[in-house]
N, C-alpha and C. Protein backbone atom coordinates (compact mmCIF):
# COMPACT_ATOMS: atom_id res chain seq x y z
N UNK A 1 18.74 63.38 232.94
CA UNK A 1 18.58 62.44 231.96
C UNK A 1 17.42 61.53 232.21
N UNK A 2 16.88 61.04 231.21
CA UNK A 2 15.78 60.10 231.22
C UNK A 2 16.14 58.80 231.87
N UNK A 3 15.25 58.04 232.48
CA UNK A 3 15.49 56.75 233.01
C UNK A 3 15.81 55.95 231.71
N UNK A 4 17.02 55.73 231.38
CA UNK A 4 17.42 55.09 230.20
C UNK A 4 16.88 53.57 230.14
N UNK A 5 16.80 53.02 231.34
CA UNK A 5 16.21 51.56 231.32
C UNK A 5 14.59 51.46 230.94
N UNK A 6 14.11 52.58 230.89
CA UNK A 6 12.62 52.64 230.31
C UNK A 6 12.55 52.87 228.89
N UNK A 7 13.59 53.18 228.22
CA UNK A 7 13.62 53.38 226.65
C UNK A 7 13.50 51.91 225.96
N UNK A 8 12.84 51.99 224.85
CA UNK A 8 13.06 50.79 224.01
C UNK A 8 14.44 50.72 223.32
N UNK A 9 14.60 49.57 222.89
CA UNK A 9 15.90 49.24 222.10
C UNK A 9 16.06 50.16 220.84
N UNK A 10 15.07 50.60 220.21
CA UNK A 10 15.07 51.49 219.27
C UNK A 10 15.33 52.80 219.66
N UNK A 11 14.74 53.32 220.77
CA UNK A 11 15.05 54.55 221.30
C UNK A 11 16.48 54.72 221.81
N UNK A 12 17.15 53.67 222.31
CA UNK A 12 18.32 53.46 222.85
C UNK A 12 19.43 53.69 221.63
N UNK A 13 19.20 53.03 220.66
CA UNK A 13 19.84 53.05 219.31
C UNK A 13 19.86 54.59 218.68
N UNK A 14 18.70 55.02 218.67
CA UNK A 14 18.66 56.36 218.20
C UNK A 14 19.26 57.39 219.07
N UNK A 15 19.21 57.25 220.37
CA UNK A 15 19.93 58.05 221.27
C UNK A 15 21.58 57.92 221.19
N UNK A 16 21.87 56.77 220.86
CA UNK A 16 23.41 56.51 220.82
C UNK A 16 23.82 57.17 219.46
N UNK A 17 23.09 57.02 218.30
CA UNK A 17 23.34 57.59 216.95
C UNK A 17 23.40 59.01 217.04
N UNK A 18 22.37 59.54 217.64
CA UNK A 18 22.25 61.17 217.69
C UNK A 18 23.11 61.64 219.00
N UNK A 19 23.90 61.00 219.59
CA UNK A 19 24.81 61.53 220.68
C UNK A 19 23.87 62.09 221.67
N UNK A 20 22.89 61.62 222.20
CA UNK A 20 21.98 62.19 223.20
C UNK A 20 22.62 61.52 224.49
N UNK A 21 23.39 60.52 224.35
CA UNK A 21 24.05 59.72 225.46
C UNK A 21 25.18 58.97 224.71
N UNK A 22 26.15 58.64 225.51
CA UNK A 22 27.20 57.96 225.04
C UNK A 22 27.22 56.43 225.64
N UNK A 23 27.94 55.56 224.89
CA UNK A 23 28.04 54.07 225.28
C UNK A 23 28.35 54.09 226.74
N UNK A 24 29.37 54.88 227.18
CA UNK A 24 29.69 54.78 228.59
C UNK A 24 28.62 55.39 229.38
N UNK A 25 28.05 56.30 229.22
CA UNK A 25 26.84 56.81 230.04
C UNK A 25 25.82 55.72 230.12
N UNK A 26 25.36 55.15 228.99
CA UNK A 26 24.43 54.13 229.07
C UNK A 26 24.94 52.98 229.82
N UNK A 27 25.99 52.50 229.77
CA UNK A 27 26.56 51.29 230.56
C UNK A 27 26.80 51.77 231.97
N UNK A 28 27.15 52.92 232.33
CA UNK A 28 27.14 53.45 233.77
C UNK A 28 25.66 53.60 234.30
N UNK A 29 24.69 53.87 233.44
CA UNK A 29 23.42 53.79 233.94
C UNK A 29 22.96 52.47 234.43
N UNK A 30 23.29 51.42 233.40
CA UNK A 30 22.65 50.02 233.79
C UNK A 30 23.54 49.38 234.70
N UNK A 31 24.76 49.86 235.10
CA UNK A 31 25.62 49.39 236.15
C UNK A 31 24.90 49.82 237.45
N UNK A 32 24.51 50.94 237.53
CA UNK A 32 23.94 51.62 238.66
C UNK A 32 22.55 51.01 238.93
N UNK A 33 21.88 50.62 237.89
CA UNK A 33 20.53 50.00 238.11
C UNK A 33 20.83 48.60 238.66
N UNK A 34 21.70 47.91 238.20
CA UNK A 34 22.17 46.62 238.60
C UNK A 34 22.28 46.64 240.07
N UNK A 35 23.32 47.57 240.42
CA UNK A 35 23.65 47.84 241.83
C UNK A 35 22.48 48.01 242.79
N UNK A 36 21.44 48.85 242.23
CA UNK A 36 20.41 49.33 242.89
C UNK A 36 19.44 48.18 243.22
N UNK A 37 19.01 47.38 242.21
CA UNK A 37 17.99 46.42 242.36
C UNK A 37 18.41 44.77 242.49
N UNK A 38 19.68 44.70 242.24
CA UNK A 38 20.05 43.28 242.04
C UNK A 38 19.90 42.45 243.40
N UNK A 39 20.00 43.05 244.60
CA UNK A 39 19.70 42.47 245.86
C UNK A 39 18.62 41.84 246.00
N UNK A 40 17.51 42.54 245.31
CA UNK A 40 16.02 42.07 245.35
C UNK A 40 15.75 40.94 244.30
N UNK A 41 16.26 41.26 243.07
CA UNK A 41 15.97 40.38 241.76
C UNK A 41 16.84 39.18 241.80
N UNK A 42 18.17 39.40 242.14
CA UNK A 42 19.15 38.27 242.13
C UNK A 42 19.31 37.74 240.67
N UNK A 43 19.46 38.80 239.76
CA UNK A 43 19.58 38.31 238.42
C UNK A 43 21.07 38.01 237.85
N UNK A 44 21.94 38.54 238.60
CA UNK A 44 23.37 38.45 238.29
C UNK A 44 24.23 37.69 239.25
N UNK A 45 25.04 36.83 238.66
CA UNK A 45 26.03 36.09 239.53
C UNK A 45 27.35 37.02 239.60
N UNK A 46 27.78 37.42 238.30
CA UNK A 46 28.91 38.11 238.34
C UNK A 46 28.56 39.51 237.42
N UNK A 47 29.23 40.52 237.86
CA UNK A 47 28.99 41.79 237.18
C UNK A 47 30.39 42.32 237.00
N UNK A 48 30.91 42.41 235.77
CA UNK A 48 32.23 42.74 235.45
C UNK A 48 32.26 44.27 234.86
N UNK A 49 32.10 45.18 235.87
CA UNK A 49 31.92 46.58 235.66
C UNK A 49 32.98 47.19 234.78
N UNK A 50 34.26 46.91 235.23
CA UNK A 50 35.44 47.53 234.56
C UNK A 50 35.48 47.02 233.21
N UNK A 51 35.23 45.77 232.85
CA UNK A 51 35.25 45.19 231.48
C UNK A 51 34.13 45.95 230.72
N UNK A 52 32.90 46.00 231.34
CA UNK A 52 31.77 46.62 230.52
C UNK A 52 32.06 48.16 230.21
N UNK A 53 32.71 48.77 231.10
CA UNK A 53 33.06 50.27 230.78
C UNK A 53 34.23 50.23 229.84
N UNK A 54 35.08 49.35 229.91
CA UNK A 54 36.13 49.57 228.89
C UNK A 54 35.49 49.15 227.46
N UNK A 55 34.55 48.20 227.36
CA UNK A 55 34.05 47.89 226.06
C UNK A 55 33.11 48.95 225.75
N UNK A 56 32.45 49.81 226.52
CA UNK A 56 31.76 50.88 226.24
C UNK A 56 32.75 52.10 225.67
N UNK A 57 33.73 52.24 226.16
CA UNK A 57 34.69 53.20 225.75
C UNK A 57 35.16 52.89 224.48
N UNK A 58 35.39 51.52 224.04
CA UNK A 58 35.98 51.11 222.80
C UNK A 58 34.77 51.19 221.76
N UNK A 59 33.63 51.23 221.97
CA UNK A 59 32.58 51.25 221.10
C UNK A 59 32.40 52.53 220.31
């Protein structure tokens, strides 16, 4: 799968609409990305992964 974090909002919207990936897959990708780089960038105080995945499943 493409590095989803490199896609534009338009490309992400189209990918979701065309079922190229699901909301859950997109959320999982970003959660893994946060896990990978947040120690360096320190952009997040709290990450609520379970809540994010539940919301993605409901979308």
